[in-house]
Amino acid sequence: MFYDFKVGIWNKGLSTKVGGITIPGVLEHIKDLDVDIQPYSTALLLKDYGYNIEVNKRIFMDYDSAVKIGTVFYYVNLHGITEKYEVKTIINWDYLEVMALGI
């Protein structure tokens, strides 16, 4: 597999309760990983795996326990524009096949 892209892995920190109000955790940078990003679609995900979840990217990567549903990938494209993708589901093989949606 070719890992041509470097993405930043960001996860939400713990939320806190103050006076009965829950304050959600903020995104924290965990690390950078080399991955392969490919276009994908909800229709293909439904056909290939039976999941009906809105997605537009498929990301291949080595197994990493820091990646979970809700993880956000930050990627700077060739034009210098930062793209963000939220992990919607993970297919676990000898590697991870991560289905994500641009946010």
N, C-alpha and C. Protein backbone atom coordinates (compact mmCIF):
# COMPACT_ATOMS: atom_id res chain seq x y z
N MET A 1 0.83 -1.17 0.00
CA MET A 1 0.00 0.00 0.00
C MET A 1 0.89 1.25 0.00
N PHE A 2 0.44 2.27 -0.68
CA PHE A 2 1.19 3.52 -0.74
C PHE A 2 0.59 4.52 0.23
N TYR A 3 1.36 4.97 1.17
CA TYR A 3 0.91 5.97 2.13
C TYR A 3 1.49 7.31 1.71
N ASP A 4 0.78 8.01 0.83
CA ASP A 4 1.26 9.24 0.22
C ASP A 4 0.86 10.51 0.97
N PHE A 5 0.06 10.38 2.01
CA PHE A 5 -0.47 11.55 2.70
C PHE A 5 -0.12 11.49 4.18
N LYS A 6 0.16 12.64 4.76
CA LYS A 6 0.40 12.73 6.21
C LYS A 6 -0.79 13.47 6.81
N VAL A 7 -1.43 12.84 7.79
CA VAL A 7 -2.58 13.46 8.46
C VAL A 7 -2.29 13.59 9.95
N GLY A 8 -2.90 14.60 10.53
CA GLY A 8 -2.85 14.78 11.98
C GLY A 8 -4.06 14.10 12.59
N ILE A 9 -3.83 13.32 13.64
CA ILE A 9 -4.91 12.62 14.35
C ILE A 9 -5.31 13.46 15.55
N TRP A 10 -6.59 13.81 15.63
CA TRP A 10 -7.11 14.62 16.73
C TRP A 10 -8.29 13.90 17.36
N ASN A 11 -8.29 13.79 18.69
CA ASN A 11 -9.41 13.19 19.43
C ASN A 11 -9.94 14.18 20.44
N LYS A 12 -11.23 14.06 20.77
CA LYS A 12 -11.84 14.93 21.78
C LYS A 12 -11.38 14.51 23.16
N GLY A 13 -11.04 15.51 23.96
CA GLY A 13 -10.68 15.27 25.35
C GLY A 13 -11.93 14.97 26.17
N LEU A 14 -11.73 14.70 27.44
CA LEU A 14 -12.85 14.39 28.33
C LEU A 14 -13.71 15.63 28.57
N SER A 15 -15.02 15.41 28.68
CA SER A 15 -15.91 16.52 29.00
C SER A 15 -15.95 16.69 30.52
N THR A 16 -16.35 17.87 30.96
CA THR A 16 -16.43 18.15 32.40
C THR A 16 -17.82 18.68 32.71
N LYS A 17 -18.23 18.51 33.98
CA LYS A 17 -19.52 19.03 34.44
C LYS A 17 -19.27 20.17 35.40
N VAL A 18 -19.92 21.30 35.12
CA VAL A 18 -19.81 22.47 35.99
C VAL A 18 -21.21 22.95 36.29
N GLY A 19 -21.62 22.87 37.55
CA GLY A 19 -22.95 23.35 37.94
C GLY A 19 -24.07 22.64 37.19
N GLY A 20 -23.91 21.36 36.90
CA GLY A 20 -24.94 20.60 36.21
C GLY A 20 -24.91 20.75 34.70
N ILE A 21 -23.98 21.53 34.18
CA ILE A 21 -23.86 21.74 32.73
C ILE A 21 -22.61 20.99 32.24
N THR A 22 -22.78 20.20 31.20
CA THR A 22 -21.65 19.46 30.64
C THR A 22 -20.95 20.31 29.60
N ILE A 23 -19.64 20.47 29.79
CA ILE A 23 -18.82 21.21 28.84
C ILE A 23 -18.04 20.18 28.03
N PRO A 24 -18.27 20.11 26.72
CA PRO A 24 -17.59 19.09 25.92
C PRO A 24 -16.08 19.31 25.87
N GLY A 25 -15.36 18.21 25.74
CA GLY A 25 -13.90 18.29 25.63
C GLY A 25 -13.48 18.92 24.31
N VAL A 26 -12.29 19.46 24.28
CA VAL A 26 -11.76 20.08 23.07
C VAL A 26 -10.91 19.06 22.30
N LEU A 27 -10.72 19.31 21.02
CA LEU A 27 -9.88 18.42 20.21
C LEU A 27 -8.42 18.55 20.63
N GLU A 28 -7.76 17.40 20.79
CA GLU A 28 -6.35 17.38 21.17
C GLU A 28 -5.57 16.63 20.10
N HIS A 29 -4.43 17.19 19.69
CA HIS A 29 -3.58 16.53 18.70
C HIS A 29 -2.91 15.33 19.35
N ILE A 30 -3.05 14.15 18.73
CA ILE A 30 -2.46 12.93 19.26
C ILE A 30 -1.12 12.67 18.57
N LYS A 31 -1.12 12.62 17.24
CA LYS A 31 0.10 12.38 16.48
C LYS A 31 -0.18 12.54 15.00
N ASP A 32 0.85 12.44 14.18
CA ASP A 32 0.73 12.45 12.73
C ASP A 32 0.98 11.04 12.20
N LEU A 33 0.23 10.67 11.17
CA LEU A 33 0.36 9.34 10.57
C LEU A 33 0.41 9.45 9.06
N ASP A 34 1.08 8.49 8.42
CA ASP A 34 1.08 8.37 6.96
C ASP A 34 -0.08 7.46 6.57
N VAL A 35 -0.88 7.91 5.61
CA VAL A 35 -2.07 7.18 5.19
C VAL A 35 -2.24 7.28 3.68
N ASP A 36 -3.22 6.55 3.16
CA ASP A 36 -3.65 6.68 1.75
C ASP A 36 -5.10 7.12 1.78
N ILE A 37 -5.42 8.22 1.12
CA ILE A 37 -6.78 8.76 1.08
C ILE A 37 -7.34 8.57 -0.31
N GLN A 38 -8.55 8.00 -0.39
CA GLN A 38 -9.21 7.78 -1.68
C GLN A 38 -10.65 8.28 -1.61
N PRO A 39 -11.19 8.73 -2.72
CA PRO A 39 -12.60 9.11 -2.75
C PRO A 39 -13.46 7.86 -2.52
N TYR A 40 -14.60 8.06 -1.91
CA TYR A 40 -15.52 6.95 -1.63
C TYR A 40 -16.91 7.54 -1.54
N SER A 41 -17.91 6.71 -1.34
CA SER A 41 -19.28 7.22 -1.27
C SER A 41 -20.13 6.36 -0.35
N THR A 42 -21.25 6.92 0.06
CA THR A 42 -22.20 6.19 0.89
C THR A 42 -22.73 4.97 0.13
N ALA A 43 -22.99 5.14 -1.17
CA ALA A 43 -23.50 4.02 -1.98
C ALA A 43 -22.50 2.87 -2.04
N LEU A 44 -21.21 3.19 -2.22
CA LEU A 44 -20.19 2.14 -2.25
C LEU A 44 -20.05 1.46 -0.89
N LEU A 45 -20.13 2.23 0.19
CA LEU A 45 -20.04 1.65 1.53
C LEU A 45 -21.20 0.70 1.78
N LEU A 46 -22.38 1.08 1.34
CA LEU A 46 -23.56 0.22 1.47
C LEU A 46 -23.39 -1.06 0.65
N LYS A 47 -22.91 -0.93 -0.57
CA LYS A 47 -22.71 -2.09 -1.44
C LYS A 47 -21.60 -3.01 -0.93
N ASP A 48 -20.46 -2.42 -0.51
CA ASP A 48 -19.31 -3.22 -0.10
C ASP A 48 -19.46 -3.85 1.28
N TYR A 49 -20.02 -3.09 2.24
CA TYR A 49 -20.02 -3.55 3.64
C TYR A 49 -21.39 -3.56 4.31
N GLY A 50 -22.41 -3.00 3.66
CA GLY A 50 -23.75 -3.01 4.22
C GLY A 50 -24.04 -1.90 5.22
N TYR A 51 -23.14 -0.93 5.34
CA TYR A 51 -23.37 0.21 6.23
C TYR A 51 -23.99 1.36 5.45
N ASN A 52 -25.04 1.96 6.00
CA ASN A 52 -25.68 3.10 5.37
C ASN A 52 -25.32 4.36 6.16
N ILE A 53 -24.07 4.78 6.04
CA ILE A 53 -23.53 5.93 6.76
C ILE A 53 -22.99 6.90 5.72
N GLU A 54 -23.24 8.20 5.93
CA GLU A 54 -22.75 9.20 4.97
C GLU A 54 -21.23 9.33 5.07
N VAL A 55 -20.54 9.06 3.97
CA VAL A 55 -19.08 9.16 3.89
C VAL A 55 -18.69 9.70 2.52
N ASN A 56 -17.46 10.24 2.42
CA ASN A 56 -16.97 10.65 1.10
C ASN A 56 -15.47 10.35 0.91
N LYS A 57 -14.84 9.73 1.91
CA LYS A 57 -13.44 9.34 1.79
C LYS A 57 -13.24 7.96 2.42
N ARG A 58 -12.28 7.23 1.86
CA ARG A 58 -11.82 5.96 2.44
C ARG A 58 -10.33 6.13 2.68
N ILE A 59 -9.92 5.86 3.90
CA ILE A 59 -8.53 6.09 4.31
C ILE A 59 -7.93 4.76 4.74
N PHE A 60 -6.83 4.37 4.09
CA PHE A 60 -6.12 3.15 4.44
C PHE A 60 -4.93 3.51 5.32
N MET A 61 -4.71 2.73 6.37
CA MET A 61 -3.60 3.02 7.28
C MET A 61 -3.25 1.79 8.08
N ASP A 62 -2.05 1.79 8.66
CA ASP A 62 -1.66 0.73 9.57
C ASP A 62 -2.52 0.83 10.82
N TYR A 63 -2.66 -0.29 11.52
CA TYR A 63 -3.48 -0.29 12.74
C TYR A 63 -2.91 0.70 13.75
N ASP A 64 -3.79 1.48 14.37
CA ASP A 64 -3.40 2.41 15.42
C ASP A 64 -4.57 2.55 16.38
N SER A 65 -4.35 2.27 17.66
CA SER A 65 -5.42 2.30 18.65
C SER A 65 -5.95 3.71 18.92
N ALA A 66 -5.23 4.75 18.49
CA ALA A 66 -5.68 6.13 18.70
C ALA A 66 -6.83 6.49 17.76
N VAL A 67 -7.01 5.73 16.70
CA VAL A 67 -8.06 6.03 15.72
C VAL A 67 -9.34 5.30 16.13
N LYS A 68 -10.40 6.08 16.32
CA LYS A 68 -11.68 5.52 16.71
C LYS A 68 -12.79 6.35 16.06
N ILE A 69 -14.01 5.89 16.17
CA ILE A 69 -15.13 6.65 15.61
C ILE A 69 -15.18 8.01 16.30
N GLY A 70 -15.25 9.06 15.51
CA GLY A 70 -15.26 10.43 16.03
C GLY A 70 -13.91 11.11 15.95
N THR A 71 -12.83 10.34 15.68
CA THR A 71 -11.51 10.94 15.49
C THR A 71 -11.57 11.87 14.28
N VAL A 72 -10.83 12.97 14.35
CA VAL A 72 -10.79 13.92 13.23
C VAL A 72 -9.38 13.89 12.64
N PHE A 73 -9.32 13.74 11.31
CA PHE A 73 -8.06 13.79 10.57
C PHE A 73 -7.91 15.17 9.96
N TYR A 74 -6.79 15.82 10.17
CA TYR A 74 -6.46 17.09 9.52
C TYR A 74 -5.44 16.79 8.45
N TYR A 75 -5.67 17.31 7.25
CA TYR A 75 -4.79 17.06 6.11
C TYR A 75 -4.64 18.35 5.32
N VAL A 76 -3.41 18.72 4.98
CA VAL A 76 -3.16 19.90 4.15
C VAL A 76 -2.93 19.40 2.72
N ASN A 77 -3.83 19.80 1.81
CA ASN A 77 -3.74 19.31 0.43
C ASN A 77 -2.66 20.05 -0.37
N LEU A 78 -2.51 19.68 -1.63
CA LEU A 78 -1.46 20.26 -2.47
C LEU A 78 -1.61 21.76 -2.68
N HIS A 79 -2.81 22.29 -2.48
CA HIS A 79 -3.07 23.72 -2.67
C HIS A 79 -2.90 24.50 -1.36
N GLY A 80 -2.45 23.81 -0.30
CA GLY A 80 -2.26 24.47 0.99
C GLY A 80 -3.52 24.65 1.80
N ILE A 81 -4.59 24.01 1.40
CA ILE A 81 -5.87 24.12 2.09
C ILE A 81 -6.01 22.96 3.07
N THR A 82 -6.38 23.27 4.31
CA THR A 82 -6.56 22.23 5.32
C THR A 82 -7.93 21.59 5.15
N GLU A 83 -7.93 20.27 5.02
CA GLU A 83 -9.16 19.50 4.93
C GLU A 83 -9.32 18.72 6.24
N LYS A 84 -10.57 18.58 6.71
CA LYS A 84 -10.85 17.84 7.94
C LYS A 84 -11.83 16.73 7.63
N TYR A 85 -11.55 15.55 8.17
CA TYR A 85 -12.42 14.39 7.98
C TYR A 85 -12.70 13.75 9.33
N GLU A 86 -13.98 13.46 9.58
CA GLU A 86 -14.36 12.78 10.81
C GLU A 86 -14.58 11.30 10.51
N VAL A 87 -14.01 10.44 11.36
CA VAL A 87 -14.14 9.00 11.20
C VAL A 87 -15.58 8.59 11.52
N LYS A 88 -16.22 7.89 10.58
CA LYS A 88 -17.59 7.43 10.75
C LYS A 88 -17.68 5.95 11.08
N THR A 89 -16.81 5.15 10.47
CA THR A 89 -16.74 3.72 10.80
C THR A 89 -15.36 3.21 10.42
N ILE A 90 -14.98 2.08 11.03
CA ILE A 90 -13.66 1.50 10.81
C ILE A 90 -13.82 0.04 10.45
N ILE A 91 -13.20 -0.38 9.37
CA ILE A 91 -13.15 -1.79 8.98
C ILE A 91 -11.75 -2.28 9.35
N ASN A 92 -11.68 -3.26 10.23
CA ASN A 92 -10.41 -3.73 10.77
C ASN A 92 -9.96 -5.00 10.06
N TRP A 93 -8.89 -4.90 9.31
CA TRP A 93 -8.25 -6.04 8.67
C TRP A 93 -6.86 -6.17 9.31
N ASP A 94 -5.83 -6.54 8.56
CA ASP A 94 -4.45 -6.47 9.05
C ASP A 94 -4.03 -5.01 9.12
N TYR A 95 -4.84 -4.16 8.56
CA TYR A 95 -4.66 -2.70 8.51
C TYR A 95 -6.03 -2.11 8.81
N LEU A 96 -6.15 -0.82 8.85
CA LEU A 96 -7.45 -0.18 9.04
C LEU A 96 -7.94 0.42 7.74
N GLU A 97 -9.20 0.22 7.49
CA GLU A 97 -9.90 0.86 6.38
C GLU A 97 -10.91 1.80 7.04
N VAL A 98 -10.60 3.08 7.03
CA VAL A 98 -11.38 4.07 7.76
C VAL A 98 -12.30 4.81 6.79
N MET A 99 -13.59 4.81 7.10
CA MET A 99 -14.56 5.56 6.28
C MET A 99 -14.82 6.87 6.98
N ALA A 100 -14.66 7.97 6.23
CA ALA A 100 -14.74 9.30 6.84
C ALA A 100 -15.59 10.25 6.01
N LEU A 101 -16.03 11.31 6.67
CA LEU A 101 -16.84 12.36 6.03
C LEU A 101 -16.14 13.69 6.23
N GLY A 102 -16.00 14.45 5.14
CA GLY A 102 -15.42 15.79 5.23
C GLY A 102 -16.28 16.70 6.09
N ILE A 103 -15.63 17.46 6.97
CA ILE A 103 -16.38 18.38 7.84
C ILE A 103 -15.85 19.80 7.66
